[in-house]
C-alpha atoms as a PDB file:
ATOM      1  CA  MET A   1      10.055 -24.318   9.456  1.00  0.00           C
ATOM      2  CA  THR A   2      10.351 -20.537   9.498  1.00  0.00           C
ATOM      3  CA  PRO A   3       8.699 -19.389   6.264  1.00  0.00           C
ATOM      4  CA  VAL A   4      10.411 -17.066   3.836  1.00  0.00           C
ATOM      5  CA  LEU A   5       8.784 -13.638   3.635  1.00  0.00           C
ATOM      6  CA  ILE A   6       8.356 -12.611   0.000  1.00  0.00           C
ATOM      7  CA  ALA A   7       7.641  -8.890  -0.162  1.00  0.00           C
ATOM      8  CA  CYS A   8       5.851  -8.419  -3.470  1.00  0.00           C
ATOM      9  CA  SER A   9       5.405  -4.913  -4.850  1.00  0.00           C
ATOM     10  CA  HIS A  10       4.081  -3.654  -8.170  1.00  0.00           C
ATOM     11  CA  GLY A  11       7.404  -2.492  -9.583  1.00  0.00           C
ATOM     12  CA  THR A  12       8.249   0.922 -10.964  1.00  0.00           C
ATOM     13  CA  SER A  13      10.627   2.643 -13.363  1.00  0.00           C
ATOM     14  CA  SER A  14      11.046   5.493 -10.845  1.00  0.00           C
ATOM     15  CA  HIS A  15      14.461   5.403  -9.180  1.00  0.00           C
ATOM     16  CA  ALA A  16      13.021   7.173  -6.136  1.00  0.00           C
ATOM     17  CA  GLY A  17      10.182   4.665  -6.016  1.00  0.00           C
ATOM     18  CA  ARG A  18      12.568   1.715  -6.192  1.00  0.00           C
ATOM     19  CA  ALA A  19      14.673   3.220  -3.416  1.00  0.00           C
ATOM     20  CA  ALA A  20      11.617   3.716  -1.200  1.00  0.00           C
ATOM     21  CA  ILE A  21      10.451   0.113  -1.588  1.00  0.00           C
ATOM     22  CA  SER A  22      13.962  -1.252  -1.048  1.00  0.00           C
ATOM     23  CA  ALA A  23      14.278   0.841   2.111  1.00  0.00           C
ATOM     24  CA  LEU A  24      10.933  -0.498   3.328  1.00  0.00           C
ATOM     25  CA  VAL A  25      12.074  -4.076   2.767  1.00  0.00           C
ATOM     26  CA  GLU A  26      15.283  -3.343   4.682  1.00  0.00           C
ATOM     27  CA  LYS A  27      13.227  -2.103   7.641  1.00  0.00           C
ATOM     28  CA  VAL A  28      11.249  -5.340   7.540  1.00  0.00           C
ATOM     29  CA  ARG A  29      14.507  -7.307   7.611  1.00  0.00           C
ATOM     30  CA  LEU A  30      15.618  -5.395  10.700  1.00  0.00           C
ATOM     31  CA  LEU A  31      12.324  -6.181  12.428  1.00  0.00           C
ATOM     32  CA  LEU A  32      12.586  -9.883  11.499  1.00  0.00           C
ATOM     33  CA  PRO A  33      16.303 -10.664  11.795  1.00  0.00           C
ATOM     34  CA  HIS A  34      15.783 -14.435  11.793  1.00  0.00           C
ATOM     35  CA  VAL A  35      13.541 -14.493   8.721  1.00  0.00           C
ATOM     36  CA  ALA A  36      14.724 -14.660   5.114  1.00  0.00           C
ATOM     37  CA  VAL A  37      13.115 -11.716   3.307  1.00  0.00           C
ATOM     38  CA  GLU A  38      13.023 -11.718  -0.497  1.00  0.00           C
ATOM     39  CA  GLU A  39      11.763  -9.065  -2.929  1.00  0.00           C
ATOM     40  CA  ALA A  40       9.472  -9.823  -5.867  1.00  0.00           C
ATOM     41  CA  PHE A  41       7.403  -7.834  -8.363  1.00  0.00           C
ATOM     42  CA  VAL A  42       4.281  -8.226 -10.471  1.00  0.00           C
ATOM     43  CA  ASP A  43       5.293  -5.762 -13.205  1.00  0.00           C
ATOM     44  CA  VAL A  44       8.144  -3.600 -14.551  1.00  0.00           C
ATOM     45  CA  GLN A  45      10.914  -5.004 -12.325  1.00  0.00           C
ATOM     46  CA  GLN A  46      12.535  -8.381 -11.808  1.00  0.00           C
ATOM     47  CA  PRO A  47      12.413 -10.961 -10.290  1.00  0.00           C
ATOM     48  CA  GLU A  48       8.800 -11.868 -10.972  1.00  0.00           C
ATOM     49  CA  ILE A  49       6.669 -13.211  -8.143  1.00  0.00           C
ATOM     50  CA  ASP A  50       6.197 -16.656  -9.749  1.00  0.00           C
ATOM     51  CA  ASP A  51       9.974 -17.137 -10.030  1.00  0.00           C
ATOM     52  CA  VAL A  52      10.655 -16.076  -6.439  1.00  0.00           C
ATOM     53  CA  VAL A  53       7.974 -18.375  -5.015  1.00  0.00           C
ATOM     54  CA  ARG A  54       9.347 -21.286  -7.060  1.00  0.00           C
ATOM     55  CA  ALA A  55      12.920 -20.518  -5.985  1.00  0.00           C
ATOM     56  CA  SER A  56      11.922 -20.574  -2.316  1.00  0.00           C
ATOM     57  CA  ALA A  57      11.155 -24.318  -2.504  1.00  0.00           C
ATOM     58  CA  PRO A  58      11.275 -26.511  -0.513  1.00  0.00           C
ATOM     59  CA  ARG A  59      10.932 -23.888   2.234  1.00  0.00           C
ATOM     60  CA  LEU A  60       7.565 -22.540   3.279  1.00  0.00           C
ATOM     61  CA  ALA A  61       6.829 -19.066   1.909  1.00  0.00           C
ATOM     62  CA  VAL A  62       4.501 -16.217   2.841  1.00  0.00           C
ATOM     63  CA  VAL A  63       3.860 -13.585   0.178  1.00  0.00           C
ATOM     64  CA  VAL A  64       3.041 -10.176   1.640  1.00  0.00           C
ATOM     65  CA  PRO A  65       1.704  -7.841  -1.074  1.00  0.00           C
ATOM     66  CA  LEU A  66       3.324  -4.415  -0.787  1.00  0.00           C
ATOM     67  CA  LEU A  67       0.065  -3.077  -2.166  1.00  0.00           C
ATOM     68  CA  LEU A  68      -2.517  -0.962  -0.385  1.00  0.00           C
ATOM     69  CA  SER A  69      -5.728  -2.496  -1.739  1.00  0.00           C
ATOM     70  CA  THR A  70      -7.210  -5.659  -3.195  1.00  0.00           C
ATOM     71  CA  GLY A  71      -7.085  -5.814  -6.983  1.00  0.00           C
ATOM     72  CA  PHE A  72      -5.903  -7.648 -10.064  1.00  0.00           C
ATOM     73  CA  HIS A  73      -2.374  -8.178  -8.793  1.00  0.00           C
ATOM     74  CA  THR A  74      -3.506  -9.722  -5.506  1.00  0.00           C
ATOM     75  CA  LYS A  75      -6.298 -11.795  -7.029  1.00  0.00           C
ATOM     76  CA  VAL A  76      -4.461 -12.962 -10.151  1.00  0.00           C
ATOM     77  CA  ASP A  77      -0.658 -12.566 -10.149  1.00  0.00           C
ATOM     78  CA  ILE A  78       0.041 -13.287  -6.497  1.00  0.00           C
ATOM     79  CA  ALA A  79      -2.790 -15.808  -6.155  1.00  0.00           C
ATOM     80  CA  ARG A  80      -1.461 -17.761  -9.156  1.00  0.00           C
ATOM     81  CA  ALA A  81       2.055 -17.925  -7.759  1.00  0.00           C
ATOM     82  CA  VAL A  82       0.828 -19.159  -4.401  1.00  0.00           C
ATOM     83  CA  THR A  83      -1.623 -21.667  -5.875  1.00  0.00           C
ATOM     84  CA  ASP A  84       1.101 -23.148  -8.077  1.00  0.00           C
ATOM     85  CA  ALA A  85       3.248 -23.694  -4.978  1.00  0.00           C
ATOM     86  CA  GLY A  86       0.587 -25.778  -3.275  1.00  0.00           C
ATOM     87  CA  ALA A  87       0.478 -26.171   0.498  1.00  0.00           C
ATOM     88  CA  ARG A  88       3.921 -24.708   1.114  1.00  0.00           C
ATOM     89  CA  ALA A  89       2.969 -21.096   0.281  1.00  0.00           C
ATOM     90  CA  ALA A  90       0.349 -18.574   1.323  1.00  0.00           C
ATOM     91  CA  ALA A  91      -0.444 -14.951   0.590  1.00  0.00           C
ATOM     92  CA  THR A  92      -1.632 -12.353   3.067  1.00  0.00           C
ATOM     93  CA  ALA A  93      -4.119  -9.568   2.544  1.00  0.00           C
ATOM     94  CA  PRO A  94      -2.738  -6.335   1.100  1.00  0.00           C
ATOM     95  CA  LEU A  95      -1.375  -3.788   3.560  1.00  0.00           C
ATOM     96  CA  GLY A  96      -4.549  -1.723   3.638  1.00  0.00           C
ATOM     97  CA  PRO A  97      -6.868  -1.002   5.159  1.00  0.00           C
ATOM     98  CA  HIS A  98      -5.061  -0.935   8.514  1.00  0.00           C
ATOM     99  CA  PRO A  99      -5.245   1.424  11.510  1.00  0.00           C
ATOM    100  CA  LEU A 100      -1.487   2.015  11.424  1.00  0.00           C
ATOM    101  CA  LEU A 101      -1.743   3.301   7.859  1.00  0.00           C
ATOM    102  CA  ALA A 102      -4.507   5.672   8.954  1.00  0.00           C
ATOM    103  CA  ASP A 103      -2.256   6.817  11.807  1.00  0.00           C
ATOM    104  CA  LEU A 104       0.507   7.496   9.302  1.00  0.00           C
ATOM    105  CA  LEU A 105      -1.791   9.390   6.939  1.00  0.00           C
ATOM    106  CA  ALA A 106      -3.005  11.557   9.819  1.00  0.00           C
ATOM    107  CA  ALA A 107       0.549  12.217  10.971  1.00  0.00           C
ATOM    108  CA  ARG A 108       1.589  13.236   7.460  1.00  0.00           C
ATOM    109  CA  LEU A 109      -1.367  15.624   7.254  1.00  0.00           C
ATOM    110  CA  HIS A 110      -0.493  17.285  10.541  1.00  0.00           C
ATOM    111  CA  GLU A 111       3.158  17.534   9.518  1.00  0.00           C
ATOM    112  CA  ALA A 112       1.949  19.280   6.341  1.00  0.00           C
ATOM    113  CA  GLY A 113       0.236  21.917   8.485  1.00  0.00           C
ATOM    114  CA  LEU A 114      -3.386  20.809   8.269  1.00  0.00           C
ATOM    115  CA  ALA A 115      -5.374  23.747   9.652  1.00  0.00           C
ATOM    116  CA  ALA A 116      -8.917  24.909  10.329  1.00  0.00           C
ATOM    117  CA  GLY A 117     -10.888  25.302   7.109  1.00  0.00           C
ATOM    118  CA  ASP A 118      -8.824  22.742   5.201  1.00  0.00           C
ATOM    119  CA  ALA A 119     -10.365  19.757   3.443  1.00  0.00           C
ATOM    120  CA  VAL A 120      -8.621  16.449   2.795  1.00  0.00           C
ATOM    121  CA  VAL A 121      -8.723  14.364  -0.361  1.00  0.00           C
ATOM    122  CA  LEU A 122      -7.528  10.819   0.190  1.00  0.00           C
ATOM    123  CA  ALA A 123      -5.684  10.283  -3.080  1.00  0.00           C
ATOM    124  CA  ALA A 124      -5.460   6.615  -4.060  1.00  0.00           C
ATOM    125  CA  ALA A 125      -4.108   4.817  -7.125  1.00  0.00           C
ATOM    126  CA  GLY A 126      -7.443   3.244  -8.049  1.00  0.00           C
ATOM    127  CA  SER A 127      -8.536   0.026  -9.702  1.00  0.00           C
ATOM    128  CA  THR A 128     -11.330  -1.376 -11.845  1.00  0.00           C
ATOM    129  CA  ASP A 129     -11.899  -4.010  -9.135  1.00  0.00           C
ATOM    130  CA  PRO A 130     -14.771  -2.944  -6.835  1.00  0.00           C
ATOM    131  CA  ALA A 131     -12.974  -4.563  -3.892  1.00  0.00           C
ATOM    132  CA  ALA A 132     -10.285  -1.898  -4.146  1.00  0.00           C
ATOM    133  CA  SER A 133     -12.857   0.855  -3.643  1.00  0.00           C
ATOM    134  CA  VAL A 134     -14.153  -0.960  -0.567  1.00  0.00           C
ATOM    135  CA  ASP A 135     -10.626  -1.050   0.879  1.00  0.00           C
ATOM    136  CA  VAL A 136     -10.059   2.644   0.162  1.00  0.00           C
ATOM    137  CA  ALA A 137     -13.423   3.565   1.659  1.00  0.00           C
ATOM    138  CA  ALA A 138     -12.416   1.708   4.810  1.00  0.00           C
ATOM    139  CA  ILE A 139      -9.141   3.620   5.146  1.00  0.00           C
ATOM    140  CA  ALA A 140     -11.026   6.875   4.516  1.00  0.00           C
ATOM    141  CA  ASP A 141     -13.332   6.031   7.423  1.00  0.00           C
ATOM    142  CA  LEU A 142     -10.335   5.337   9.651  1.00  0.00           C
ATOM    143  CA  LEU A 143      -8.791   8.651   8.631  1.00  0.00           C
ATOM    144  CA  ARG A 144     -12.004  10.529   9.449  1.00  0.00           C
ATOM    145  CA  GLU A 145     -11.699   9.192  12.992  1.00  0.00           C
ATOM    146  CA  ARG A 146      -8.268  10.824  13.241  1.00  0.00           C
ATOM    147  CA  VAL A 147      -8.718  14.258  11.660  1.00  0.00           C
ATOM    148  CA  GLU A 148     -11.479  16.794  12.280  1.00  0.00           C
ATOM    149  CA  HIS A 149     -11.717  17.797   8.642  1.00  0.00           C
ATOM    150  CA  PRO A 150     -13.869  16.744   5.694  1.00  0.00           C
ATOM    151  CA  VAL A 151     -12.306  13.726   3.955  1.00  0.00           C
ATOM    152  CA  SER A 152     -13.280  12.783   0.404  1.00  0.00           C
ATOM    153  CA  VAL A 153     -11.714  10.225  -1.921  1.00  0.00           C
ATOM    154  CA  GLY A 154     -10.157  10.595  -5.353  1.00  0.00           C
ATOM    155  CA  TYR A 155      -8.505   8.058  -7.647  1.00  0.00           C
ATOM    156  CA  ALA A 156      -5.678   8.376 -10.135  1.00  0.00           C
ATOM    157  CA  ALA A 157      -7.094   5.585 -12.322  1.00  0.00           C
ATOM    158  CA  GLY A 158      -9.788   2.930 -12.477  1.00  0.00           C
ATOM    159  CA  ALA A 159     -13.329   3.480 -11.257  1.00  0.00           C
ATOM    160  CA  GLY A 160     -14.470   6.363  -9.084  1.00  0.00           C
ATOM    161  CA  THR A 161     -13.951  10.119  -8.859  1.00  0.00           C
ATOM    162  CA  ARG A 162     -10.660  11.368 -10.236  1.00  0.00           C
ATOM    163  CA  ILE A 163      -8.353  13.156  -7.803  1.00  0.00           C
ATOM    164  CA  ASP A 164      -8.500  16.510  -9.615  1.00  0.00           C
ATOM    165  CA  ALA A 165     -12.315  16.376  -9.580  1.00  0.00           C
ATOM    166  CA  ALA A 166     -12.320  15.577  -5.854  1.00  0.00           C
ATOM    167  CA  VAL A 167      -9.954  18.498  -5.227  1.00  0.00           C
ATOM    168  CA  ALA A 168     -12.167  20.848  -7.247  1.00  0.00           C
ATOM    169  CA  ALA A 169     -15.295  19.672  -5.407  1.00  0.00           C
ATOM    170  CA  ALA A 170     -13.684  20.257  -2.010  1.00  0.00           C
ATOM    171  CA  ARG A 171     -12.621  23.734  -3.074  1.00  0.00           C
ATOM    172  CA  ASP A 172     -16.098  24.520  -4.423  1.00  0.00           C
ATOM    173  CA  ALA A 173     -17.543  23.414  -1.078  1.00  0.00           C
ATOM    174  CA  GLY A 174     -15.651  26.239   0.599  1.00  0.00           C
ATOM    175  CA  ALA A 175     -12.391  24.719   1.781  1.00  0.00           C
ATOM    176  CA  THR A 176      -9.675  27.249   2.596  1.00  0.00           C
ATOM    177  CA  ARG A 177      -7.117  24.810   1.272  1.00  0.00           C
ATOM    178  CA  VAL A 178      -7.300  21.292  -0.125  1.00  0.00           C
ATOM    179  CA  VAL A 179      -4.701  18.844   1.132  1.00  0.00           C
ATOM    180  CA  ALA A 180      -4.122  15.646  -0.841  1.00  0.00           C
ATOM    181  CA  ALA A 181      -3.223  12.742   1.437  1.00  0.00           C
ATOM    182  CA  SER A 182      -1.141  10.474  -0.789  1.00  0.00           C
ATOM    183  CA  TYR A 183      -2.372   6.931  -0.333  1.00  0.00           C
ATOM    184  CA  VAL A 184       0.369   5.373  -2.423  1.00  0.00           C
ATOM    185  CA  LEU A 185       3.458   3.584  -1.193  1.00  0.00           C
ATOM    186  CA  ALA A 186       6.220   5.183  -3.206  1.00  0.00           C
ATOM    187  CA  PRO A 187       7.152   7.842  -5.764  1.00  0.00           C
ATOM    188  CA  GLY A 188       6.230   6.924  -9.320  1.00  0.00           C
ATOM    189  CA  PHE A 189       3.422   7.269 -11.822  1.00  0.00           C
ATOM    190  CA  PHE A 190       0.529   7.517  -9.362  1.00  0.00           C
ATOM    191  CA  ALA A 191       2.386   9.875  -7.040  1.00  0.00           C
ATOM    192  CA  ASP A 192       3.011  12.120 -10.049  1.00  0.00           C
ATOM    193  CA  VAL A 193      -0.712  12.104 -10.894  1.00  0.00           C
ATOM    194  CA  ILE A 194      -1.497  13.148  -7.329  1.00  0.00           C
ATOM    195  CA  ALA A 195       1.076  15.930  -7.469  1.00  0.00           C
ATOM    196  CA  ARG A 196      -0.540  17.350 -10.638  1.00  0.00           C
ATOM    197  CA  ALA A 197      -4.141  17.169  -9.380  1.00  0.00           C
ATOM    198  CA  GLY A 198      -4.302  20.767  -8.152  1.00  0.00           C
ATOM    199  CA  ALA A 199      -4.250  20.349  -4.364  1.00  0.00           C
ATOM    200  CA  ASP A 200      -2.722  23.165  -2.334  1.00  0.00           C
ATOM    201  CA  VAL A 201      -0.596  20.697  -0.361  1.00  0.00           C
ATOM    202  CA  VAL A 202       0.361  17.113  -1.179  1.00  0.00           C
ATOM    203  CA  THR A 203       1.733  14.734   1.440  1.00  0.00           C
ATOM    204  CA  ALA A 204       4.528  12.286   0.699  1.00  0.00           C
ATOM    205  CA  PRO A 205       3.988   8.625  -0.204  1.00  0.00           C
ATOM    206  CA  LEU A 206       3.864   6.234   2.755  1.00  0.00           C
ATOM    207  CA  ALA A 207       7.026   4.150   2.299  1.00  0.00           C
ATOM    208  CA  PRO A 208       9.483   3.600   3.790  1.00  0.00           C
ATOM    209  CA  ASP A 209       7.954   4.725   7.090  1.00  0.00           C
ATOM    210  CA  ALA A 210       8.428   2.354  10.019  1.00  0.00           C
ATOM    211  CA  LEU A 211       4.650   2.034  10.494  1.00  0.00           C
ATOM    212  CA  VAL A 212       4.354   0.468   7.045  1.00  0.00           C
ATOM    213  CA  ALA A 213       7.079  -2.019   7.962  1.00  0.00           C
ATOM    214  CA  GLU A 214       5.118  -2.890  11.105  1.00  0.00           C
ATOM    215  CA  VAL A 215       2.063  -3.703   9.002  1.00  0.00           C
ATOM    216  CA  VAL A 216       4.166  -5.972   6.771  1.00  0.00           C
ATOM    217  CA  VAL A 217       5.506  -7.791   9.826  1.00  0.00           C
ATOM    218  CA  GLU A 218       2.026  -8.192  11.325  1.00  0.00           C
ATOM    219  CA  ARG A 219       0.662  -9.614   8.077  1.00  0.00           C
ATOM    220  CA  TYR A 220       3.603 -12.027   7.820  1.00  0.00           C
ATOM    221  CA  LEU A 221       3.529 -13.308  11.394  1.00  0.00           C
ATOM    222  CA  SER A 222      -0.181 -14.106  11.263  1.00  0.00           C
ATOM    223  CA  ALA A 223       0.111 -16.026   7.998  1.00  0.00           C
ATOM    224  CA  ALA A 224       3.378 -17.732   8.959  1.00  0.00           C
ATOM    225  CA  GLY A 225       1.827 -19.175  12.097  1.00  0.00           C
ATOM    226  CA  ALA A 226      -1.098 -20.597  10.172  1.00  0.00           C
ATOM    227  CA  LEU A 227       1.181 -21.997   7.465  1.00  0.00           C
ATOM    228  CA  ARG A 228       3.432 -23.736  10.008  1.00  0.00           C
ATOM    229  CA  ARG A 229       0.431 -25.280  11.776  1.00  0.00           C
ATOM    230  CA  ALA A 230      -0.920 -26.567   8.459  1.00  0.00           C
ATOM    231  CA  ALA A 231       2.468 -28.039   7.540  1.00  0.00           C
END
């Protein structure tokens, strides 16, 4: 009755990005030694989420999106795979917003030497789904509780202010330096956009930090309990 954990990420052609996500999944396996943990993807890489959910039958399955915000992939790709599986599968919320992710962002900023006079741009991937902006705004609020610096938000794509524009605005407002807090999981396209956005300092993507693995485990355990009770 122990559900399979299906860790579903976007997928990337970046070798460094693939390594980061694989390392994150390995940390989840270490935290859940008695749980079968499978990888799946919604784009670029194989196996696809629909195939992994189907292959998990007849076992129960919990899909944990390795995604930081609500969007098309959570509402369409992952939702479709879970719906097709009926009562034996469920999907959790994305990883963000979560206090542990805000803790990690703050730690990365301090490790990068955040100092008096600096401003922070929370640099997110972005989406055309308004729910994604709500999620990012929530993590920005959590970050503001952890750093005594101005925090604005910029997006690499989708709706909202672009990262380079947010960096320029922070600099125009008088910041000594602008530090981009990378709110992406792994190296790849969006991390490259953040790196080129003109910030004085750019923090590293979040995976495969142990705090991210803890969020995955928390999401899984909550959904697994509910799924077992329903079964």
